[in-house]
Amino acid sequence: MNSKNKNKILIIILVILLPIIAGIHLFSGTISIHFSDFYSALTHFDSENTNHIIVKNLRFPRLVMGIIAGGGLSIAGLLMQTLFNNPLAGPDILGLNSGSSLFVAFSLMTGIPFFNSDFGTIMSALLGAFAFGLVILAFSMVVKSHVSLLLIGIMLGSFTGAFVSILQSLSNPEDLKMFIMWAMGSLQQVEFSQLPIIILFFISGTLSCLFVVKSLDALVLGESQALLLGIKVKYIRIILIAITAILTGLITAFCGPIAFVGLAVPNLVKILFKTQSHRTLLIGCLLTGSVFLLICDIFVQLLESTIHIPINALTSIIGAPFVVVIVLKRLA
């Protein structure tokens, strides 16, 4: 069996697996709900029906965000790994997550009334991600080397981390607790009414990747080879950073920081598919990332009755050893 047919079979398996995992995810809560309740809650919502409230306000938004967060972070990670030609690059490598964390820390721990609300927290995280995205874009127009841009992103992360630590040391216990809870990550902070705008931005970000597939394939050969092939590397760099900022900012704003998905999943997809074709890799990341995060959240829900594990902690527990294996393979 050639690699193309094998990859088609893998994609078909993932396409079949995703709705199965999604179905398990919907029924994984501590409260038992029938399938008919899910259908009727979305088509004929009754505000006095407890099951309808649980489905529409909790489980369905949580499912959608699991798919969007897993797929979006994986795609963003793939873009960054290709841009920097480094398998250890992730969507947070440019400091976008750090920007969100800084703005959220400021909004939650300074006592400014406008920011002390759920909407204010979301807007702060979005603003932080996009602000840092603009900073990185500005640097990308000046800096020629991908490595230099990577180092600037890491330094920005360290710089903002210091400010967050200062804010934490000066904040009162209640505000500090709110920030820590946000930083743990969660898929259940989204309301049903927010889903259309989230889905719109997610689809816009993912579809934008299709316009740079050929450029991504060329960047695998290296920046100098891409230039020889007629790729406008600086222009493509700006597009990739912009897409990453949209996806990472959107997910971080509504879910908080979720670690290692954007780092581990793209590497897993490359191992499974064994191809440099980014059309295949993007589809693989979208499906694999969604399945991976939904499975993680299923375990979170199953363990809720005994212990509350933040989704960020569980993805780190699973993702960190995988990344260590990748590093060891590169050193071997």
C-alpha atoms as a PDB file:
ATOM      1  CA  MET A   1       0.000   0.000   0.000  1.00  0.00           C
ATOM      2  CA  ASN A   2       1.474   3.366  -1.030  1.00  0.00           C
ATOM      3  CA  SER A   3       1.661   6.290   1.349  1.00  0.00           C
ATOM      4  CA  LYS A   4      -1.162   8.262  -0.316  1.00  0.00           C
ATOM      5  CA  ASN A   5      -3.664   5.435   0.106  1.00  0.00           C
ATOM      6  CA  LYS A   6      -2.474   4.845   3.658  1.00  0.00           C
ATOM      7  CA  ASN A   7      -2.992   8.523   4.504  1.00  0.00           C
ATOM      8  CA  LYS A   8      -6.475   8.479   2.962  1.00  0.00           C
ATOM      9  CA  ILE A   9      -7.371   5.507   5.167  1.00  0.00           C
ATOM     10  CA  LEU A  10      -5.988   7.312   8.247  1.00  0.00           C
ATOM     11  CA  ILE A  11      -8.091  10.393   7.456  1.00  0.00           C
ATOM     12  CA  ILE A  12     -11.207   8.239   6.964  1.00  0.00           C
ATOM     13  CA  ILE A  13     -10.553   6.546  10.316  1.00  0.00           C
ATOM     14  CA  LEU A  14     -10.208   9.935  12.020  1.00  0.00           C
ATOM     15  CA  VAL A  15     -13.372  11.233  10.321  1.00  0.00           C
ATOM     16  CA  ILE A  16     -15.279   8.214  11.659  1.00  0.00           C
ATOM     17  CA  LEU A  17     -13.596   8.381  15.075  1.00  0.00           C
ATOM     18  CA  LEU A  18     -14.347  12.073  15.707  1.00  0.00           C
ATOM     19  CA  PRO A  19     -18.183  11.787  15.872  1.00  0.00           C
ATOM     20  CA  ILE A  20     -17.851   8.617  17.971  1.00  0.00           C
ATOM     21  CA  ILE A  21     -15.624  10.399  20.502  1.00  0.00           C
ATOM     22  CA  ALA A  22     -17.924  13.446  20.327  1.00  0.00           C
ATOM     23  CA  GLY A  23     -20.908  11.221  21.198  1.00  0.00           C
ATOM     24  CA  ILE A  24     -19.042   9.693  24.139  1.00  0.00           C
ATOM     25  CA  HIS A  25     -18.074  13.201  25.262  1.00  0.00           C
ATOM     26  CA  LEU A  26     -21.711  14.348  25.279  1.00  0.00           C
ATOM     27  CA  PHE A  27     -22.748  11.483  27.552  1.00  0.00           C
ATOM     28  CA  SER A  28     -19.708  11.591  29.864  1.00  0.00           C
ATOM     29  CA  GLY A  29     -21.136  13.959  32.446  1.00  0.00           C
ATOM     30  CA  THR A  30     -22.164  12.902  35.935  1.00  0.00           C
ATOM     31  CA  ILE A  31     -25.846  13.557  35.133  1.00  0.00           C
ATOM     32  CA  SER A  32     -27.425  10.976  32.820  1.00  0.00           C
ATOM     33  CA  ILE A  33     -29.175  12.507  29.799  1.00  0.00           C
ATOM     34  CA  HIS A  34     -30.993  10.730  26.966  1.00  0.00           C
ATOM     35  CA  PHE A  35     -30.183  11.361  23.303  1.00  0.00           C
ATOM     36  CA  SER A  36     -33.678  12.775  22.724  1.00  0.00           C
ATOM     37  CA  ASP A  37     -32.855  15.515  25.253  1.00  0.00           C
ATOM     38  CA  PHE A  38     -29.875  16.630  23.184  1.00  0.00           C
ATOM     39  CA  TYR A  39     -31.942  16.907  20.019  1.00  0.00           C
ATOM     40  CA  SER A  40     -34.902  18.653  21.651  1.00  0.00           C
ATOM     41  CA  ALA A  41     -32.664  21.029  23.630  1.00  0.00           C
ATOM     42  CA  LEU A  42     -31.183  22.372  20.391  1.00  0.00           C
ATOM     43  CA  THR A  43     -34.426  22.429  18.381  1.00  0.00           C
ATOM     44  CA  HIS A  44     -37.152  23.130  20.973  1.00  0.00           C
ATOM     45  CA  PHE A  45     -35.365  24.575  23.992  1.00  0.00           C
ATOM     46  CA  ASP A  46     -37.381  24.664  27.219  1.00  0.00           C
ATOM     47  CA  SER A  47     -35.876  27.002  29.811  1.00  0.00           C
ATOM     48  CA  GLU A  48     -37.682  25.098  32.593  1.00  0.00           C
ATOM     49  CA  ASN A  49     -36.293  21.717  31.565  1.00  0.00           C
ATOM     50  CA  THR A  50     -33.133  20.945  33.569  1.00  0.00           C
ATOM     51  CA  ASN A  51     -31.763  18.539  30.953  1.00  0.00           C
ATOM     52  CA  HIS A  52     -32.240  21.142  28.222  1.00  0.00           C
ATOM     53  CA  ILE A  53     -30.354  23.707  30.290  1.00  0.00           C
ATOM     54  CA  ILE A  54     -27.469  21.282  30.874  1.00  0.00           C
ATOM     55  CA  VAL A  55     -27.260  20.405  27.181  1.00  0.00           C
ATOM     56  CA  LYS A  56     -27.501  23.917  25.732  1.00  0.00           C
ATOM     57  CA  ASN A  57     -25.551  25.835  28.355  1.00  0.00           C
ATOM     58  CA  LEU A  58     -22.910  23.268  29.324  1.00  0.00           C
ATOM     59  CA  ARG A  59     -22.391  20.116  27.284  1.00  0.00           C
ATOM     60  CA  PHE A  60     -22.913  21.299  23.705  1.00  0.00           C
ATOM     61  CA  PRO A  61     -20.702  24.430  24.043  1.00  0.00           C
ATOM     62  CA  ARG A  62     -18.092  22.316  25.815  1.00  0.00           C
ATOM     63  CA  LEU A  63     -18.100  19.797  22.965  1.00  0.00           C
ATOM     64  CA  VAL A  64     -17.802  22.469  20.275  1.00  0.00           C
ATOM     65  CA  MET A  65     -14.961  24.198  22.124  1.00  0.00           C
ATOM     66  CA  GLY A  66     -13.146  20.873  22.541  1.00  0.00           C
ATOM     67  CA  ILE A  67     -13.205  20.372  18.768  1.00  0.00           C
ATOM     68  CA  ILE A  68     -12.234  23.980  18.020  1.00  0.00           C
ATOM     69  CA  ALA A  69      -9.504  24.212  20.667  1.00  0.00           C
ATOM     70  CA  GLY A  70      -7.928  20.864  19.801  1.00  0.00           C
ATOM     71  CA  GLY A  71      -8.014  21.413  16.057  1.00  0.00           C
ATOM     72  CA  GLY A  72      -7.102  25.111  16.178  1.00  0.00           C
ATOM     73  CA  LEU A  73      -4.103  24.750  18.489  1.00  0.00           C
ATOM     74  CA  SER A  74      -2.810  21.780  16.471  1.00  0.00           C
ATOM     75  CA  ILE A  75      -3.020  23.725  13.207  1.00  0.00           C
ATOM     76  CA  ALA A  76      -1.345  26.746  14.818  1.00  0.00           C
ATOM     77  CA  GLY A  77       1.428  24.478  16.109  1.00  0.00           C
ATOM     78  CA  LEU A  78       1.980  22.978  12.657  1.00  0.00           C
ATOM     79  CA  LEU A  79       2.250  26.467  11.126  1.00  0.00           C
ATOM     80  CA  MET A  80       4.849  27.529  13.688  1.00  0.00           C
ATOM     81  CA  GLN A  81       6.878  24.326  13.337  1.00  0.00           C
ATOM     82  CA  THR A  82       6.987  24.767   9.576  1.00  0.00           C
ATOM     83  CA  LEU A  83       7.757  28.490   9.757  1.00  0.00           C
ATOM     84  CA  PHE A  84      10.675  27.990  12.163  1.00  0.00           C
ATOM     85  CA  ASN A  85      11.618  24.572  10.766  1.00  0.00           C
ATOM     86  CA  ASN A  86      11.631  23.331  14.350  1.00  0.00           C
ATOM     87  CA  PRO A  87       9.482  20.445  15.699  1.00  0.00           C
ATOM     88  CA  LEU A  88       9.635  21.975  19.191  1.00  0.00           C
ATOM     89  CA  ALA A  89       7.947  25.227  18.152  1.00  0.00           C
ATOM     90  CA  GLY A  90       4.347  25.730  19.303  1.00  0.00           C
ATOM     91  CA  PRO A  91       1.555  28.315  19.056  1.00  0.00           C
ATOM     92  CA  ASP A  92       2.706  29.905  22.307  1.00  0.00           C
ATOM     93  CA  ILE A  93       6.314  30.235  21.159  1.00  0.00           C
ATOM     94  CA  LEU A  94       5.752  33.779  19.854  1.00  0.00           C
ATOM     95  CA  GLY A  95       4.449  35.005  23.192  1.00  0.00           C
ATOM     96  CA  LEU A  96       0.776  35.132  22.132  1.00  0.00           C
ATOM     97  CA  ASN A  97      -0.329  33.147  25.182  1.00  0.00           C
ATOM     98  CA  SER A  98       1.871  35.365  27.318  1.00  0.00           C
ATOM     99  CA  GLY A  99       0.119  38.419  25.897  1.00  0.00           C
ATOM    100  CA  SER A 100      -3.261  36.967  26.820  1.00  0.00           C
ATOM    101  CA  SER A 101      -2.034  36.068  30.298  1.00  0.00           C
ATOM    102  CA  LEU A 102      -0.644  39.564  30.887  1.00  0.00           C
ATOM    103  CA  PHE A 103      -3.840  41.324  29.844  1.00  0.00           C
ATOM    104  CA  VAL A 104      -6.045  38.905  31.803  1.00  0.00           C
ATOM    105  CA  ALA A 105      -3.810  39.276  34.861  1.00  0.00           C
ATOM    106  CA  PHE A 106      -4.124  43.036  34.562  1.00  0.00           C
ATOM    107  CA  SER A 107      -7.913  42.861  34.158  1.00  0.00           C
ATOM    108  CA  LEU A 108      -8.445  40.505  37.089  1.00  0.00           C
ATOM    109  CA  MET A 109      -5.900  41.803  39.556  1.00  0.00           C
ATOM    110  CA  THR A 110      -6.038  45.583  39.238  1.00  0.00           C
ATOM    111  CA  GLY A 111      -9.601  46.114  40.450  1.00  0.00           C
ATOM    112  CA  ILE A 112     -10.780  47.996  37.342  1.00  0.00           C
ATOM    113  CA  PRO A 113     -14.591  47.458  37.356  1.00  0.00           C
ATOM    114  CA  PHE A 114     -15.013  47.166  33.564  1.00  0.00           C
ATOM    115  CA  PHE A 115     -12.652  44.225  33.388  1.00  0.00           C
ATOM    116  CA  ASN A 116     -14.025  42.351  36.403  1.00  0.00           C
ATOM    117  CA  SER A 117     -16.534  40.303  34.399  1.00  0.00           C
ATOM    118  CA  ASP A 118     -16.515  37.209  32.187  1.00  0.00           C
ATOM    119  CA  PHE A 119     -16.856  39.349  29.062  1.00  0.00           C
ATOM    120  CA  GLY A 120     -14.049  41.595  30.243  1.00  0.00           C
ATOM    121  CA  THR A 121     -11.746  38.609  30.761  1.00  0.00           C
ATOM    122  CA  ILE A 122     -12.451  37.280  27.262  1.00  0.00           C
ATOM    123  CA  MET A 123     -11.882  40.665  25.657  1.00  0.00           C
ATOM    124  CA  SER A 124      -8.668  41.119  27.651  1.00  0.00           C
ATOM    125  CA  ALA A 125      -7.306  37.763  26.479  1.00  0.00           C
ATOM    126  CA  LEU A 126      -8.200  38.502  22.847  1.00  0.00           C
ATOM    127  CA  LEU A 127      -6.706  41.973  23.054  1.00  0.00           C
ATOM    128  CA  GLY A 128      -3.507  40.616  24.616  1.00  0.00           C
ATOM    129  CA  ALA A 129      -3.042  37.940  21.961  1.00  0.00           C
ATOM    130  CA  PHE A 130      -3.661  40.309  19.072  1.00  0.00           C
ATOM    131  CA  ALA A 131      -1.517  43.080  20.591  1.00  0.00           C
ATOM    132  CA  PHE A 132       1.428  40.712  20.907  1.00  0.00           C
ATOM    133  CA  GLY A 133       0.622  39.359  17.458  1.00  0.00           C
ATOM    134  CA  LEU A 134       0.992  42.882  16.059  1.00  0.00           C
ATOM    135  CA  VAL A 135       4.296  43.294  17.919  1.00  0.00           C
ATOM    136  CA  ILE A 136       5.621  40.052  16.428  1.00  0.00           C
ATOM    137  CA  LEU A 137       4.358  41.076  12.987  1.00  0.00           C
ATOM    138  CA  ALA A 138       6.254  44.367  13.329  1.00  0.00           C
ATOM    139  CA  PHE A 139       9.438  42.500  14.264  1.00  0.00           C
ATOM    140  CA  SER A 140       8.912  40.038  11.390  1.00  0.00           C
ATOM    141  CA  MET A 141       9.094  42.916   8.912  1.00  0.00           C
ATOM    142  CA  VAL A 142      12.487  43.949  10.269  1.00  0.00           C
ATOM    143  CA  VAL A 143      14.103  40.673  11.362  1.00  0.00           C
ATOM    144  CA  LYS A 144      15.287  38.472   8.493  1.00  0.00           C
ATOM    145  CA  SER A 145      16.078  35.294  10.424  1.00  0.00           C
ATOM    146  CA  HIS A 146      13.403  32.896  11.725  1.00  0.00           C
ATOM    147  CA  VAL A 147      15.707  32.035  14.630  1.00  0.00           C
ATOM    148  CA  SER A 148      15.957  35.684  15.670  1.00  0.00           C
ATOM    149  CA  LEU A 149      12.174  36.028  15.539  1.00  0.00           C
ATOM    150  CA  LEU A 150      11.855  32.867  17.626  1.00  0.00           C
ATOM    151  CA  LEU A 151      14.207  34.294  20.265  1.00  0.00           C
ATOM    152  CA  ILE A 152      12.250  37.568  20.327  1.00  0.00           C
ATOM    153  CA  GLY A 153       9.071  35.593  21.002  1.00  0.00           C
ATOM    154  CA  ILE A 154      10.700  33.683  23.846  1.00  0.00           C
ATOM    155  CA  MET A 155      12.047  36.903  25.374  1.00  0.00           C
ATOM    156  CA  LEU A 156       8.612  38.522  25.128  1.00  0.00           C
ATOM    157  CA  GLY A 157       7.203  35.539  27.010  1.00  0.00           C
ATOM    158  CA  SER A 158       9.794  35.893  29.759  1.00  0.00           C
ATOM    159  CA  PHE A 159       9.265  39.651  29.919  1.00  0.00           C
ATOM    160  CA  THR A 160       5.486  39.377  30.325  1.00  0.00           C
ATOM    161  CA  GLY A 161       5.884  36.484  32.776  1.00  0.00           C
ATOM    162  CA  ALA A 162       7.821  38.800  35.072  1.00  0.00           C
ATOM    163  CA  PHE A 163       5.031  41.384  35.000  1.00  0.00           C
ATOM    164  CA  VAL A 164       2.408  38.698  35.706  1.00  0.00           C
ATOM    165  CA  SER A 165       4.441  37.568  38.718  1.00  0.00           C
ATOM    166  CA  ILE A 166       4.576  41.153  40.008  1.00  0.00           C
ATOM    167  CA  LEU A 167       0.797  41.520  39.621  1.00  0.00           C
ATOM    168  CA  GLN A 168       0.272  38.214  41.445  1.00  0.00           C
ATOM    169  CA  SER A 169       2.432  39.329  44.343  1.00  0.00           C
ATOM    170  CA  LEU A 170       0.449  42.578  44.675  1.00  0.00           C
ATOM    171  CA  SER A 171      -3.068  41.195  44.197  1.00  0.00           C
ATOM    172  CA  ASN A 172      -5.544  40.146  46.876  1.00  0.00           C
ATOM    173  CA  PRO A 173      -6.316  36.417  47.380  1.00  0.00           C
ATOM    174  CA  GLU A 174      -9.706  36.493  45.611  1.00  0.00           C
ATOM    175  CA  ASP A 175      -8.376  38.126  42.440  1.00  0.00           C
ATOM    176  CA  LEU A 176      -5.342  35.837  42.468  1.00  0.00           C
ATOM    177  CA  LYS A 177      -7.619  32.794  42.706  1.00  0.00           C
ATOM    178  CA  MET A 178      -9.662  34.001  39.705  1.00  0.00           C
ATOM    179  CA  PHE A 179      -6.533  34.364  37.599  1.00  0.00           C
ATOM    180  CA  ILE A 180      -5.186  30.956  38.623  1.00  0.00           C
ATOM    181  CA  MET A 181      -8.538  29.339  37.752  1.00  0.00           C
ATOM    182  CA  TRP A 182      -8.416  30.969  34.299  1.00  0.00           C
ATOM    183  CA  ALA A 183      -4.783  29.901  33.821  1.00  0.00           C
ATOM    184  CA  MET A 184      -5.710  26.258  34.515  1.00  0.00           C
ATOM    185  CA  GLY A 185      -7.743  26.153  31.310  1.00  0.00           C
ATOM    186  CA  SER A 186     -11.304  24.959  30.849  1.00  0.00           C
ATOM    187  CA  LEU A 187     -13.680  24.094  28.005  1.00  0.00           C
ATOM    188  CA  GLN A 188     -16.795  25.043  29.952  1.00  0.00           C
ATOM    189  CA  GLN A 189     -16.416  28.826  30.060  1.00  0.00           C
ATOM    190  CA  VAL A 190     -18.239  29.377  26.761  1.00  0.00           C
ATOM    191  CA  GLU A 191     -21.920  30.281  26.433  1.00  0.00           C
ATOM    192  CA  PHE A 192     -24.138  28.966  23.647  1.00  0.00           C
ATOM    193  CA  SER A 193     -24.738  32.494  22.330  1.00  0.00           C
ATOM    194  CA  GLN A 194     -20.966  32.977  21.838  1.00  0.00           C
ATOM    195  CA  LEU A 195     -20.544  29.912  19.605  1.00  0.00           C
ATOM    196  CA  PRO A 196     -21.464  31.539  16.233  1.00  0.00           C
ATOM    197  CA  ILE A 197     -18.739  34.199  16.438  1.00  0.00           C
ATOM    198  CA  ILE A 198     -16.203  31.631  17.720  1.00  0.00           C
ATOM    199  CA  ILE A 199     -17.016  29.217  14.880  1.00  0.00           C
ATOM    200  CA  LEU A 200     -16.836  32.053  12.335  1.00  0.00           C
ATOM    201  CA  PHE A 201     -13.331  33.108  13.432  1.00  0.00           C
ATOM    202  CA  PHE A 202     -12.194  29.466  13.627  1.00  0.00           C
ATOM    203  CA  ILE A 203     -13.399  28.648  10.108  1.00  0.00           C
ATOM    204  CA  SER A 204     -11.837  31.857   8.770  1.00  0.00           C
ATOM    205  CA  GLY A 205      -8.487  30.972  10.356  1.00  0.00           C
ATOM    206  CA  THR A 206      -8.446  27.359   9.176  1.00  0.00           C
ATOM    207  CA  LEU A 207      -9.610  28.116   5.627  1.00  0.00           C
ATOM    208  CA  SER A 208      -6.902  30.779   5.336  1.00  0.00           C
ATOM    209  CA  CYS A 209      -4.335  27.988   5.655  1.00  0.00           C
ATOM    210  CA  LEU A 210      -5.456  26.534   2.316  1.00  0.00           C
ATOM    211  CA  PHE A 211      -4.129  29.621   0.505  1.00  0.00           C
ATOM    212  CA  VAL A 212      -0.584  29.055   1.808  1.00  0.00           C
ATOM    213  CA  VAL A 213      -0.305  25.274   1.438  1.00  0.00           C
ATOM    214  CA  LYS A 214       2.228  25.456  -1.416  1.00  0.00           C
ATOM    215  CA  SER A 215       4.299  27.991   0.494  1.00  0.00           C
ATOM    216  CA  LEU A 216       4.289  25.753   3.575  1.00  0.00           C
ATOM    217  CA  ASP A 217       5.495  22.818   1.475  1.00  0.00           C
ATOM    218  CA  ALA A 218       8.325  25.002   0.141  1.00  0.00           C
ATOM    219  CA  LEU A 219       9.328  26.228   3.613  1.00  0.00           C
ATOM    220  CA  VAL A 220      10.034  22.620   4.646  1.00  0.00           C
ATOM    221  CA  LEU A 221      13.061  22.788   2.328  1.00  0.00           C
ATOM    222  CA  GLY A 222      14.384  25.821   4.206  1.00  0.00           C
ATOM    223  CA  GLU A 223      14.079  29.579   3.819  1.00  0.00           C
ATOM    224  CA  SER A 224      16.790  29.906   1.150  1.00  0.00           C
ATOM    225  CA  GLN A 225      15.272  27.129  -0.989  1.00  0.00           C
ATOM    226  CA  ALA A 226      11.822  28.665  -0.619  1.00  0.00           C
ATOM    227  CA  LEU A 227      13.179  31.984  -1.905  1.00  0.00           C
ATOM    228  CA  LEU A 228      14.693  30.227  -4.916  1.00  0.00           C
ATOM    229  CA  LEU A 229      11.290  28.693  -5.648  1.00  0.00           C
ATOM    230  CA  GLY A 230       9.774  32.160  -5.799  1.00  0.00           C
ATOM    231  CA  ILE A 231       8.108  32.148  -2.361  1.00  0.00           C
ATOM    232  CA  LYS A 232       7.823  35.579  -0.767  1.00  0.00           C
ATOM    233  CA  VAL A 233       9.045  34.380   2.628  1.00  0.00           C
ATOM    234  CA  LYS A 234       8.546  37.671   4.497  1.00  0.00           C
ATOM    235  CA  TYR A 235       4.967  37.983   3.192  1.00  0.00           C
ATOM    236  CA  ILE A 236       4.160  34.350   4.051  1.00  0.00           C
ATOM    237  CA  ARG A 237       5.687  34.821   7.513  1.00  0.00           C
ATOM    238  CA  ILE A 238       3.263  37.676   8.195  1.00  0.00           C
ATOM    239  CA  ILE A 239       0.288  35.575   7.031  1.00  0.00           C
ATOM    240  CA  LEU A 240       1.296  32.586   9.178  1.00  0.00           C
ATOM    241  CA  ILE A 241       1.786  34.729  12.279  1.00  0.00           C
ATOM    242  CA  ALA A 242      -1.581  36.419  11.676  1.00  0.00           C
ATOM    243  CA  ILE A 243      -3.391  33.057  11.350  1.00  0.00           C
ATOM    244  CA  THR A 244      -1.649  31.766  14.471  1.00  0.00           C
ATOM    245  CA  ALA A 245      -2.613  34.914  16.387  1.00  0.00           C
ATOM    246  CA  ILE A 246      -6.274  34.522  15.372  1.00  0.00           C
ATOM    247  CA  LEU A 247      -6.502  30.835  16.325  1.00  0.00           C
ATOM    248  CA  THR A 248      -4.396  31.025  19.494  1.00  0.00           C
ATOM    249  CA  GLY A 249      -5.956  34.277  20.683  1.00  0.00           C
ATOM    250  CA  LEU A 250      -9.487  33.000  20.113  1.00  0.00           C
ATOM    251  CA  ILE A 251      -8.919  29.721  21.963  1.00  0.00           C
ATOM    252  CA  THR A 252      -6.900  31.222  24.809  1.00  0.00           C
ATOM    253  CA  ALA A 253      -9.533  33.921  25.328  1.00  0.00           C
ATOM    254  CA  PHE A 254     -12.397  31.481  25.760  1.00  0.00           C
ATOM    255  CA  CYS A 255     -10.605  28.454  27.225  1.00  0.00           C
ATOM    256  CA  GLY A 256      -7.525  29.840  28.940  1.00  0.00           C
ATOM    257  CA  PRO A 257      -4.050  28.521  28.068  1.00  0.00           C
ATOM    258  CA  ILE A 258      -4.027  24.840  27.044  1.00  0.00           C
ATOM    259  CA  ALA A 259      -0.518  23.425  27.006  1.00  0.00           C
ATOM    260  CA  PHE A 260       1.251  20.955  24.698  1.00  0.00           C
ATOM    261  CA  VAL A 261      -1.647  20.336  22.259  1.00  0.00           C
ATOM    262  CA  GLY A 262      -0.079  22.617  19.656  1.00  0.00           C
ATOM    263  CA  LEU A 263       3.340  21.113  20.316  1.00  0.00           C
ATOM    264  CA  ALA A 264       2.638  17.383  20.590  1.00  0.00           C
ATOM    265  CA  VAL A 265      -0.208  16.802  18.113  1.00  0.00           C
ATOM    266  CA  PRO A 266       1.552  18.136  14.961  1.00  0.00           C
ATOM    267  CA  ASN A 267       4.543  15.893  15.706  1.00  0.00           C
ATOM    268  CA  LEU A 268       2.234  12.916  16.240  1.00  0.00           C
ATOM    269  CA  VAL A 269       0.494  13.658  12.932  1.00  0.00           C
ATOM    270  CA  LYS A 270       3.840  13.809  11.101  1.00  0.00           C
ATOM    271  CA  ILE A 271       4.777  10.423  12.586  1.00  0.00           C
ATOM    272  CA  LEU A 272       1.427   8.873  11.596  1.00  0.00           C
ATOM    273  CA  PHE A 273       1.134  10.304   8.082  1.00  0.00           C
ATOM    274  CA  LYS A 274       4.827  10.354   7.105  1.00  0.00           C
ATOM    275  CA  THR A 275       4.363  13.115   4.535  1.00  0.00           C
ATOM    276  CA  GLN A 276       5.515  16.677   3.902  1.00  0.00           C
ATOM    277  CA  SER A 277       2.252  17.611   2.149  1.00  0.00           C
ATOM    278  CA  HIS A 278       0.685  20.308   4.306  1.00  0.00           C
ATOM    279  CA  ARG A 279      -2.750  19.776   2.809  1.00  0.00           C
ATOM    280  CA  THR A 280      -2.718  16.312   4.381  1.00  0.00           C
ATOM    281  CA  LEU A 281      -0.982  17.472   7.565  1.00  0.00           C
ATOM    282  CA  LEU A 282      -3.490  20.318   8.141  1.00  0.00           C
ATOM    283  CA  ILE A 283      -6.439  17.927   7.843  1.00  0.00           C
ATOM    284  CA  GLY A 284      -4.645  15.419  10.074  1.00  0.00           C
ATOM    285  CA  CYS A 285      -3.928  18.080  12.731  1.00  0.00           C
ATOM    286  CA  LEU A 286      -7.519  19.332  12.670  1.00  0.00           C
ATOM    287  CA  LEU A 287      -8.964  15.851  13.211  1.00  0.00           C
ATOM    288  CA  THR A 288      -6.278  14.438  15.535  1.00  0.00           C
ATOM    289  CA  GLY A 289      -6.190  17.556  17.725  1.00  0.00           C
ATOM    290  CA  SER A 290      -9.970  17.532  18.117  1.00  0.00           C
ATOM    291  CA  VAL A 291     -10.036  13.837  19.001  1.00  0.00           C
ATOM    292  CA  PHE A 292      -7.109  14.210  21.423  1.00  0.00           C
ATOM    293  CA  LEU A 293      -8.595  17.120  23.369  1.00  0.00           C
ATOM    294  CA  LEU A 294     -12.060  15.549  23.511  1.00  0.00           C
ATOM    295  CA  ILE A 295     -10.557  12.349  24.936  1.00  0.00           C
ATOM    296  CA  CYS A 296      -8.675  14.399  27.545  1.00  0.00           C
ATOM    297  CA  ASP A 297     -11.888  16.204  28.489  1.00  0.00           C
ATOM    298  CA  ILE A 298     -13.780  12.901  28.729  1.00  0.00           C
ATOM    299  CA  PHE A 299     -11.305  11.831  31.423  1.00  0.00           C
ATOM    300  CA  VAL A 300     -11.727  15.209  33.140  1.00  0.00           C
ATOM    301  CA  GLN A 301     -15.510  14.689  33.248  1.00  0.00           C
ATOM    302  CA  LEU A 302     -15.281  11.065  34.404  1.00  0.00           C
ATOM    303  CA  LEU A 303     -12.984  12.053  37.276  1.00  0.00           C
ATOM    304  CA  GLU A 304     -15.014  15.115  38.329  1.00  0.00           C
ATOM    305  CA  SER A 305     -16.899  13.202  41.018  1.00  0.00           C
ATOM    306  CA  THR A 306     -13.636  12.284  42.785  1.00  0.00           C
ATOM    307  CA  ILE A 307     -11.066  14.908  41.740  1.00  0.00           C
ATOM    308  CA  HIS A 308     -11.120  18.038  39.600  1.00  0.00           C
ATOM    309  CA  ILE A 309      -8.278  17.986  37.072  1.00  0.00           C
ATOM    310  CA  PRO A 310      -7.834  21.104  34.903  1.00  0.00           C
ATOM    311  CA  ILE A 311      -7.671  20.320  31.186  1.00  0.00           C
ATOM    312  CA  ASN A 312      -4.364  22.213  31.000  1.00  0.00           C
ATOM    313  CA  ALA A 313      -2.841  19.868  33.589  1.00  0.00           C
ATOM    314  CA  LEU A 314      -4.032  16.712  31.833  1.00  0.00           C
ATOM    315  CA  THR A 315      -2.747  17.780  28.404  1.00  0.00           C
ATOM    316  CA  SER A 316       0.609  18.593  30.037  1.00  0.00           C
ATOM    317  CA  ILE A 317       0.770  15.186  31.738  1.00  0.00           C
ATOM    318  CA  ILE A 318       0.192  13.463  28.391  1.00  0.00           C
ATOM    319  CA  GLY A 319       2.043  15.891  26.123  1.00  0.00           C
ATOM    320  CA  ALA A 320       5.231  16.528  28.107  1.00  0.00           C
ATOM    321  CA  PRO A 321       6.567  12.921  27.977  1.00  0.00           C
ATOM    322  CA  PHE A 322       5.799  12.824  24.243  1.00  0.00           C
ATOM    323  CA  VAL A 323       7.855  15.982  23.671  1.00  0.00           C
ATOM    324  CA  VAL A 324      10.734  14.500  25.726  1.00  0.00           C
ATOM    325  CA  VAL A 325      10.694  11.448  23.432  1.00  0.00           C
ATOM    326  CA  ILE A 326      10.905  13.744  20.388  1.00  0.00           C
ATOM    327  CA  VAL A 327      13.898  15.582  21.886  1.00  0.00           C
ATOM    328  CA  LEU A 328      15.671  12.301  22.685  1.00  0.00           C
ATOM    329  CA  LYS A 329      15.103  11.060  19.131  1.00  0.00           C
ATOM    330  CA  ARG A 330      16.639  14.232  17.722  1.00  0.00           C
ATOM    331  CA  LEU A 331      19.681  13.828  19.997  1.00  0.00           C
ATOM    332  CA  ALA A 332      20.080  10.124  19.194  1.00  0.00           C
END
